[in-house]
């Protein structure tokens, strides 16, 4: 980590325990994506009239298979 991001190795060693690294698919992600899409539409930054269904674009199966609790999407 220190080498990859050009950090002081002692800094990484002393702070690494503070980080929690995990992969999740949460409903809030979909909500934020929808909000951003509506903002883009309202500000005429994209040429569409409605936000896409982001849930259709997400395949939660692989994560669901290895960490069922990490997937919290409302279908």
PDB file of N, CA and C in Angstrom:
ATOM      1  N   UNK A   1       0.830  -1.176   0.000  1.00  0.00           N
ATOM      2  CA  UNK A   1       0.000   0.000   0.000  1.00  0.00           C
ATOM      3  C   UNK A   1       0.883   1.251   0.000  1.00  0.00           C
ATOM      4  N   UNK A   2       1.883   1.234   0.831  1.00  0.00           N
ATOM      5  CA  UNK A   2       2.773   2.391   0.913  1.00  0.00           C
ATOM      6  C   UNK A   2       3.470   2.642  -0.416  1.00  0.00           C
ATOM      7  N   UNK A   3       3.954   1.588  -1.019  1.00  0.00           N
ATOM      8  CA  UNK A   3       4.652   1.732  -2.298  1.00  0.00           C
ATOM      9  C   UNK A   3       3.689   2.186  -3.393  1.00  0.00           C
ATOM     10  N   UNK A   4       2.514   1.566  -3.455  1.00  0.00           N
ATOM     11  CA  UNK A   4       1.536   1.873  -4.518  1.00  0.00           C
ATOM     12  C   UNK A   4       1.103   3.327  -4.486  1.00  0.00           C
ATOM     13  N   UNK A   5       0.887   3.873  -3.290  1.00  0.00           N
ATOM     14  CA  UNK A   5       0.386   5.237  -3.165  1.00  0.00           C
ATOM     15  C   UNK A   5       1.445   6.228  -2.684  1.00  0.00           C
ATOM     16  N   UNK A   6       2.691   5.798  -2.711  1.00  0.00           N
ATOM     17  CA  UNK A   6       3.815   6.653  -2.328  1.00  0.00           C
ATOM     18  C   UNK A   6       3.610   7.261  -0.940  1.00  0.00           C
ATOM     19  N   UNK A   7       3.322   6.373   0.018  1.00  0.00           N
ATOM     20  CA  UNK A   7       3.108   6.801   1.400  1.00  0.00           C
ATOM     21  C   UNK A   7       4.262   6.326   2.272  1.00  0.00           C
ATOM     22  N   UNK A   8       4.436   6.983   3.360  1.00  0.00           N
ATOM     23  CA  UNK A   8       5.446   6.584   4.332  1.00  0.00           C
ATOM     24  C   UNK A   8       5.014   5.234   4.930  1.00  0.00           C
ATOM     25  N   UNK A   9       5.856   4.214   4.851  1.00  0.00           N
ATOM     26  CA  UNK A   9       5.483   2.899   5.379  1.00  0.00           C
ATOM     27  C   UNK A   9       5.072   2.922   6.852  1.00  0.00           C
ATOM     28  N   UNK A  10       5.693   3.756   7.639  1.00  0.00           N
ATOM     29  CA  UNK A  10       5.314   3.820   9.060  1.00  0.00           C
ATOM     30  C   UNK A  10       3.912   4.402   9.219  1.00  0.00           C
ATOM     31  N   UNK A  11       3.536   5.320   8.349  1.00  0.00           N
ATOM     32  CA  UNK A  11       2.172   5.869   8.389  1.00  0.00           C
ATOM     33  C   UNK A  11       1.157   4.764   8.094  1.00  0.00           C
ATOM     34  N   UNK A  12       1.420   3.988   7.062  1.00  0.00           N
ATOM     35  CA  UNK A  12       0.509   2.900   6.697  1.00  0.00           C
ATOM     36  C   UNK A  12       0.436   1.884   7.831  1.00  0.00           C
ATOM     37  N   UNK A  13       1.556   1.516   8.377  1.00  0.00           N
ATOM     38  CA  UNK A  13       1.598   0.543   9.469  1.00  0.00           C
ATOM     39  C   UNK A  13       0.812   1.036  10.686  1.00  0.00           C
ATOM     40  N   UNK A  14       0.920   2.317  10.987  1.00  0.00           N
ATOM     41  CA  UNK A  14       0.267   2.878  12.172  1.00  0.00           C
ATOM     42  C   UNK A  14      -1.221   3.164  11.985  1.00  0.00           C
ATOM     43  N   UNK A  15      -1.676   3.296  10.741  1.00  0.00           N
ATOM     44  CA  UNK A  15      -3.078   3.669  10.522  1.00  0.00           C
ATOM     45  C   UNK A  15      -3.917   2.585   9.862  1.00  0.00           C
ATOM     46  N   UNK A  16      -3.294   1.539   9.330  1.00  0.00           N
ATOM     47  CA  UNK A  16      -4.020   0.530   8.573  1.00  0.00           C
ATOM     48  C   UNK A  16      -5.169  -0.086   9.371  1.00  0.00           C
ATOM     49  N   UNK A  17      -4.992  -0.290  10.632  1.00  0.00           N
ATOM     50  CA  UNK A  17      -6.022  -0.927  11.463  1.00  0.00           C
ATOM     51  C   UNK A  17      -7.302  -0.091  11.569  1.00  0.00           C
ATOM     52  N   UNK A  18      -7.252   1.178  11.204  1.00  0.00           N
ATOM     53  CA  UNK A  18      -8.414   2.060  11.294  1.00  0.00           C
ATOM     54  C   UNK A  18      -9.369   1.900  10.104  1.00  0.00           C
ATOM     55  N   UNK A  19      -8.917   1.258   9.061  1.00  0.00           N
ATOM     56  CA  UNK A  19      -9.716   1.147   7.843  1.00  0.00           C
ATOM     57  C   UNK A  19     -10.528  -0.144   7.826  1.00  0.00           C
ATOM     58  N   UNK A  20     -11.749  -0.031   7.371  1.00  0.00           N
ATOM     59  CA  UNK A  20     -12.609  -1.191   7.181  1.00  0.00           C
ATOM     60  C   UNK A  20     -12.923  -1.247   5.687  1.00  0.00           C
ATOM     61  N   UNK A  21     -12.415  -2.261   5.038  1.00  0.00           N
ATOM     62  CA  UNK A  21     -12.590  -2.400   3.600  1.00  0.00           C
ATOM     63  C   UNK A  21     -13.633  -3.477   3.339  1.00  0.00           C
ATOM     64  N   UNK A  22     -14.683  -3.094   2.627  1.00  0.00           N
ATOM     65  CA  UNK A  22     -15.728  -4.047   2.310  1.00  0.00           C
ATOM     66  C   UNK A  22     -16.435  -3.636   1.032  1.00  0.00           C
ATOM     67  N   UNK A  23     -17.051  -4.599   0.397  1.00  0.00           N
ATOM     68  CA  UNK A  23     -17.823  -4.348  -0.815  1.00  0.00           C
ATOM     69  C   UNK A  23     -19.285  -4.551  -0.463  1.00  0.00           C
ATOM     70  N   UNK A  24     -20.108  -3.556  -0.809  1.00  0.00           N
ATOM     71  CA  UNK A  24     -21.543  -3.660  -0.545  1.00  0.00           C
ATOM     72  C   UNK A  24     -22.318  -3.104  -1.727  1.00  0.00           C
ATOM     73  N   UNK A  25     -23.552  -3.534  -1.836  1.00  0.00           N
ATOM     74  CA  UNK A  25     -24.503  -2.948  -2.775  1.00  0.00           C
ATOM     75  C   UNK A  25     -25.695  -2.511  -1.934  1.00  0.00           C
ATOM     76  N   UNK A  26     -25.772  -1.222  -1.674  1.00  0.00           N
ATOM     77  CA  UNK A  26     -26.804  -0.693  -0.802  1.00  0.00           C
ATOM     78  C   UNK A  26     -27.842   0.099  -1.594  1.00  0.00           C
ATOM     79  N   UNK A  27     -29.036   0.150  -1.069  1.00  0.00           N
ATOM     80  CA  UNK A  27     -30.113   0.913  -1.700  1.00  0.00           C
ATOM     81  C   UNK A  27     -29.729   2.383  -1.854  1.00  0.00           C
ATOM     82  N   UNK A  28     -28.939   2.897  -0.933  1.00  0.00           N
ATOM     83  CA  UNK A  28     -28.532   4.305  -1.024  1.00  0.00           C
ATOM     84  C   UNK A  28     -27.728   4.574  -2.289  1.00  0.00           C
ATOM     85  N   UNK A  29     -26.982   3.582  -2.772  1.00  0.00           N
ATOM     86  CA  UNK A  29     -26.246   3.755  -4.025  1.00  0.00           C
ATOM     87  C   UNK A  29     -27.216   4.017  -5.166  1.00  0.00           C
ATOM     88  N   UNK A  30     -28.283   3.219  -5.248  1.00  0.00           N
ATOM     89  CA  UNK A  30     -29.281   3.427  -6.301  1.00  0.00           C
ATOM     90  C   UNK A  30     -29.953   4.789  -6.161  1.00  0.00           C
ATOM     91  N   UNK A  31     -30.277   5.165  -4.954  1.00  0.00           N
ATOM     92  CA  UNK A  31     -30.916   6.464  -4.727  1.00  0.00           C
ATOM     93  C   UNK A  31     -30.016   7.610  -5.177  1.00  0.00           C
ATOM     94  N   UNK A  32     -28.735   7.524  -4.848  1.00  0.00           N
ATOM     95  CA  UNK A  32     -27.798   8.571  -5.258  1.00  0.00           C
ATOM     96  C   UNK A  32     -27.642   8.620  -6.775  1.00  0.00           C
ATOM     97  N   UNK A  33     -27.607   7.468  -7.412  1.00  0.00           N
ATOM     98  CA  UNK A  33     -27.496   7.432  -8.869  1.00  0.00           C
ATOM     99  C   UNK A  33     -28.733   8.046  -9.518  1.00  0.00           C
ATOM    100  N   UNK A  34     -29.914   7.758  -8.977  1.00  0.00           N
ATOM    101  CA  UNK A  34     -31.146   8.342  -9.506  1.00  0.00           C
ATOM    102  C   UNK A  34     -31.170   9.853  -9.303  1.00  0.00           C
ATOM    103  N   UNK A  35     -30.751  10.310  -8.130  1.00  0.00           N
ATOM    104  CA  UNK A  35     -30.707  11.751  -7.862  1.00  0.00           C
ATOM    105  C   UNK A  35     -29.764  12.456  -8.830  1.00  0.00           C
ATOM    106  N   UNK A  36     -28.624  11.845  -9.075  1.00  0.00           N
ATOM    107  CA  UNK A  36     -27.671  12.452 -10.006  1.00  0.00           C
ATOM    108  C   UNK A  36     -28.254  12.492 -11.421  1.00  0.00           C
ATOM    109  N   UNK A  37     -28.932  11.430 -11.819  1.00  0.00           N
ATOM    110  CA  UNK A  37     -29.548  11.400 -13.148  1.00  0.00           C
ATOM    111  C   UNK A  37     -30.597  12.499 -13.279  1.00  0.00           C
ATOM    112  N   UNK A  38     -31.445  12.657 -12.275  1.00  0.00           N
ATOM    113  CA  UNK A  38     -32.468  13.714 -12.323  1.00  0.00           C
ATOM    114  C   UNK A  38     -31.835  15.099 -12.331  1.00  0.00           C
ATOM    115  N   UNK A  39     -30.733  15.270 -11.616  1.00  0.00           N
ATOM    116  CA  UNK A  39     -30.026  16.553 -11.627  1.00  0.00           C
ATOM    117  C   UNK A  39     -29.498  16.849 -13.031  1.00  0.00           C
ATOM    118  N   UNK A  40     -28.921  15.831 -13.665  1.00  0.00           N
ATOM    119  CA  UNK A  40     -28.417  16.006 -15.030  1.00  0.00           C
ATOM    120  C   UNK A  40     -29.542  16.371 -15.984  1.00  0.00           C
ATOM    121  N   UNK A  41     -30.692  15.714 -15.818  1.00  0.00           N
ATOM    122  CA  UNK A  41     -31.849  15.991 -16.678  1.00  0.00           C
ATOM    123  C   UNK A  41     -32.357  17.410 -16.449  1.00  0.00           C
ATOM    124  N   UNK A  42     -32.552  17.776 -15.182  1.00  0.00           N
ATOM    125  CA  UNK A  42     -33.090  19.100 -14.845  1.00  0.00           C
ATOM    126  C   UNK A  42     -32.175  20.230 -15.325  1.00  0.00           C
ATOM    127  N   UNK A  43     -30.891  19.970 -15.371  1.00  0.00           N
ATOM    128  CA  UNK A  43     -29.935  20.995 -15.796  1.00  0.00           C
ATOM    129  C   UNK A  43     -29.569  20.883 -17.270  1.00  0.00           C
ATOM    130  N   UNK A  44     -30.355  20.093 -17.998  1.00  0.00           N
ATOM    131  CA  UNK A  44     -30.168  19.922 -19.441  1.00  0.00           C
ATOM    132  C   UNK A  44     -28.739  19.523 -19.818  1.00  0.00           C
ATOM    133  N   UNK A  45     -28.151  18.666 -19.000  1.00  0.00           N
ATOM    134  CA  UNK A  45     -26.793  18.215 -19.274  1.00  0.00           C
ATOM    135  C   UNK A  45     -26.780  16.898 -20.040  1.00  0.00           C
ATOM    136  N   UNK A  46     -27.939  16.256 -20.112  1.00  0.00           N
ATOM    137  CA  UNK A  46     -28.102  15.057 -20.938  1.00  0.00           C
ATOM    138  C   UNK A  46     -29.428  15.176 -21.675  1.00  0.00           C
ATOM    139  N   UNK A  47     -29.519  14.527 -22.800  1.00  0.00           N
ATOM    140  CA  UNK A  47     -30.688  14.670 -23.663  1.00  0.00           C
ATOM    141  C   UNK A  47     -31.656  13.497 -23.495  1.00  0.00           C
ATOM    142  N   UNK A  48     -32.166  13.336 -22.267  1.00  0.00           N
ATOM    143  CA  UNK A  48     -33.182  12.324 -21.973  1.00  0.00           C
ATOM    144  C   UNK A  48     -34.225  12.960 -21.063  1.00  0.00           C
ATOM    145  N   UNK A  49     -35.361  12.317 -20.940  1.00  0.00           N
ATOM    146  CA  UNK A  49     -36.431  12.897 -20.127  1.00  0.00           C
ATOM    147  C   UNK A  49     -36.700  12.135 -18.840  1.00  0.00           C
ATOM    148  N   UNK A  50     -36.107  10.943 -18.691  1.00  0.00           N
ATOM    149  CA  UNK A  50     -36.292  10.213 -17.442  1.00  0.00           C
ATOM    150  C   UNK A  50     -35.028   9.427 -17.109  1.00  0.00           C
ATOM    151  N   UNK A  51     -34.879   9.152 -15.839  1.00  0.00           N
ATOM    152  CA  UNK A  51     -33.709   8.403 -15.381  1.00  0.00           C
ATOM    153  C   UNK A  51     -33.868   6.926 -15.728  1.00  0.00           C
ATOM    154  N   UNK A  52     -32.770   6.262 -16.019  1.00  0.00           N
ATOM    155  CA  UNK A  52     -32.856   4.828 -16.305  1.00  0.00           C
ATOM    156  C   UNK A  52     -33.141   4.046 -15.020  1.00  0.00           C
ATOM    157  N   UNK A  53     -33.537   2.803 -15.190  1.00  0.00           N
ATOM    158  CA  UNK A  53     -33.711   1.918 -14.051  1.00  0.00           C
ATOM    159  C   UNK A  53     -32.347   1.311 -13.742  1.00  0.00           C
ATOM    160  N   UNK A  54     -31.647   1.899 -12.802  1.00  0.00           N
ATOM    161  CA  UNK A  54     -30.290   1.448 -12.492  1.00  0.00           C
ATOM    162  C   UNK A  54     -30.268   0.032 -11.925  1.00  0.00           C
ATOM    163  N   UNK A  55     -31.344  -0.387 -11.280  1.00  0.00           N
ATOM    164  CA  UNK A  55     -31.396  -1.730 -10.718  1.00  0.00           C
ATOM    165  C   UNK A  55     -31.237  -2.790 -11.808  1.00  0.00           C
ATOM    166  N   UNK A  56     -31.752  -2.501 -13.006  1.00  0.00           N
ATOM    167  CA  UNK A  56     -31.622  -3.445 -14.126  1.00  0.00           C
ATOM    168  C   UNK A  56     -30.174  -3.598 -14.590  1.00  0.00           C
ATOM    169  N   UNK A  57     -29.336  -2.620 -14.307  1.00  0.00           N
ATOM    170  CA  UNK A  57     -27.947  -2.640 -14.770  1.00  0.00           C
ATOM    171  C   UNK A  57     -26.995  -3.278 -13.761  1.00  0.00           C
ATOM    172  N   UNK A  58     -27.497  -3.614 -12.593  1.00  0.00           N
ATOM    173  CA  UNK A  58     -26.646  -4.158 -11.540  1.00  0.00           C
ATOM    174  C   UNK A  58     -26.904  -5.645 -11.388  1.00  0.00           C
ATOM    175  N   UNK A  59     -25.847  -6.437 -11.494  1.00  0.00           N
ATOM    176  CA  UNK A  59     -25.943  -7.878 -11.266  1.00  0.00           C
ATOM    177  C   UNK A  59     -25.418  -8.155  -9.862  1.00  0.00           C
ATOM    178  N   UNK A  60     -26.313  -8.281  -8.925  1.00  0.00           N
ATOM    179  CA  UNK A  60     -25.911  -8.496  -7.536  1.00  0.00           C
ATOM    180  C   UNK A  60     -25.618  -9.964  -7.222  1.00  0.00           C
ATOM    181  N   UNK A  61     -25.864 -10.852  -8.182  1.00  0.00           N
ATOM    182  CA  UNK A  61     -25.696 -12.290  -7.956  1.00  0.00           C
ATOM    183  C   UNK A  61     -24.340 -12.718  -7.428  1.00  0.00           C
ATOM    184  N   UNK A  62     -23.248 -12.291  -8.054  1.00  0.00           N
ATOM    185  CA  UNK A  62     -21.940 -12.739  -7.564  1.00  0.00           C
ATOM    186  C   UNK A  62     -21.664 -12.318  -6.117  1.00  0.00           C
ATOM    187  N   UNK A  63     -21.979 -11.084  -5.763  1.00  0.00           N
ATOM    188  CA  UNK A  63     -21.758 -10.645  -4.384  1.00  0.00           C
ATOM    189  C   UNK A  63     -22.726 -11.349  -3.443  1.00  0.00           C
ATOM    190  N   UNK A  64     -23.964 -11.516  -3.885  1.00  0.00           N
ATOM    191  CA  UNK A  64     -24.979 -12.217  -3.079  1.00  0.00           C
ATOM    192  C   UNK A  64     -24.511 -13.631  -2.756  1.00  0.00           C
ATOM    193  N   UNK A  65     -23.833 -14.265  -3.702  1.00  0.00           N
ATOM    194  CA  UNK A  65     -23.381 -15.646  -3.512  1.00  0.00           C
ATOM    195  C   UNK A  65     -22.309 -15.769  -2.435  1.00  0.00           C
ATOM    196  N   UNK A  66     -21.444 -14.780  -2.332  1.00  0.00           N
ATOM    197  CA  UNK A  66     -20.343 -14.878  -1.360  1.00  0.00           C
ATOM    198  C   UNK A  66     -20.583 -14.095  -0.080  1.00  0.00           C
ATOM    199  N   UNK A  67     -21.451 -13.077  -0.134  1.00  0.00           N
ATOM    200  CA  UNK A  67     -21.718 -12.254   1.050  1.00  0.00           C
ATOM    201  C   UNK A  67     -23.158 -11.744   0.998  1.00  0.00           C
ATOM    202  N   UNK A  68     -24.110 -12.607   1.300  1.00  0.00           N
ATOM    203  CA  UNK A  68     -25.518 -12.225   1.179  1.00  0.00           C
ATOM    204  C   UNK A  68     -25.896 -10.946   1.943  1.00  0.00           C
ATOM    205  N   UNK A  69     -25.314 -10.738   3.094  1.00  0.00           N
ATOM    206  CA  UNK A  69     -25.641  -9.551   3.880  1.00  0.00           C
ATOM    207  C   UNK A  69     -25.102  -8.249   3.277  1.00  0.00           C
ATOM    208  N   UNK A  70     -24.191  -8.363   2.309  1.00  0.00           N
ATOM    209  CA  UNK A  70     -23.616  -7.168   1.684  1.00  0.00           C
ATOM    210  C   UNK A  70     -24.538  -6.567   0.633  1.00  0.00           C
ATOM    211  N   UNK A  71     -25.557  -7.324   0.224  1.00  0.00           N
ATOM    212  CA  UNK A  71     -26.496  -6.860  -0.787  1.00  0.00           C
ATOM    213  C   UNK A  71     -27.784  -6.434  -0.092  1.00  0.00           C
ATOM    214  N   UNK A  72     -28.080  -5.147  -0.190  1.00  0.00           N
ATOM    215  CA  UNK A  72     -29.282  -4.616   0.456  1.00  0.00           C
ATOM    216  C   UNK A  72     -30.041  -3.744  -0.539  1.00  0.00           C
ATOM    217  N   UNK A  73     -30.431  -4.361  -1.636  1.00  0.00           N
ATOM    218  CA  UNK A  73     -31.170  -3.658  -2.677  1.00  0.00           C
ATOM    219  C   UNK A  73     -32.644  -4.024  -2.593  1.00  0.00           C
ATOM    220  N   UNK A  74     -33.507  -3.047  -2.746  1.00  0.00           N
ATOM    221  CA  UNK A  74     -34.941  -3.296  -2.762  1.00  0.00           C
ATOM    222  C   UNK A  74     -35.342  -3.522  -4.204  1.00  0.00           C
ATOM    223  N   UNK A  75     -35.870  -4.691  -4.476  1.00  0.00           N
ATOM    224  CA  UNK A  75     -36.231  -5.027  -5.857  1.00  0.00           C
ATOM    225  C   UNK A  75     -37.692  -4.813  -6.116  1.00  0.00           C
TER     226      UNK A  75
END
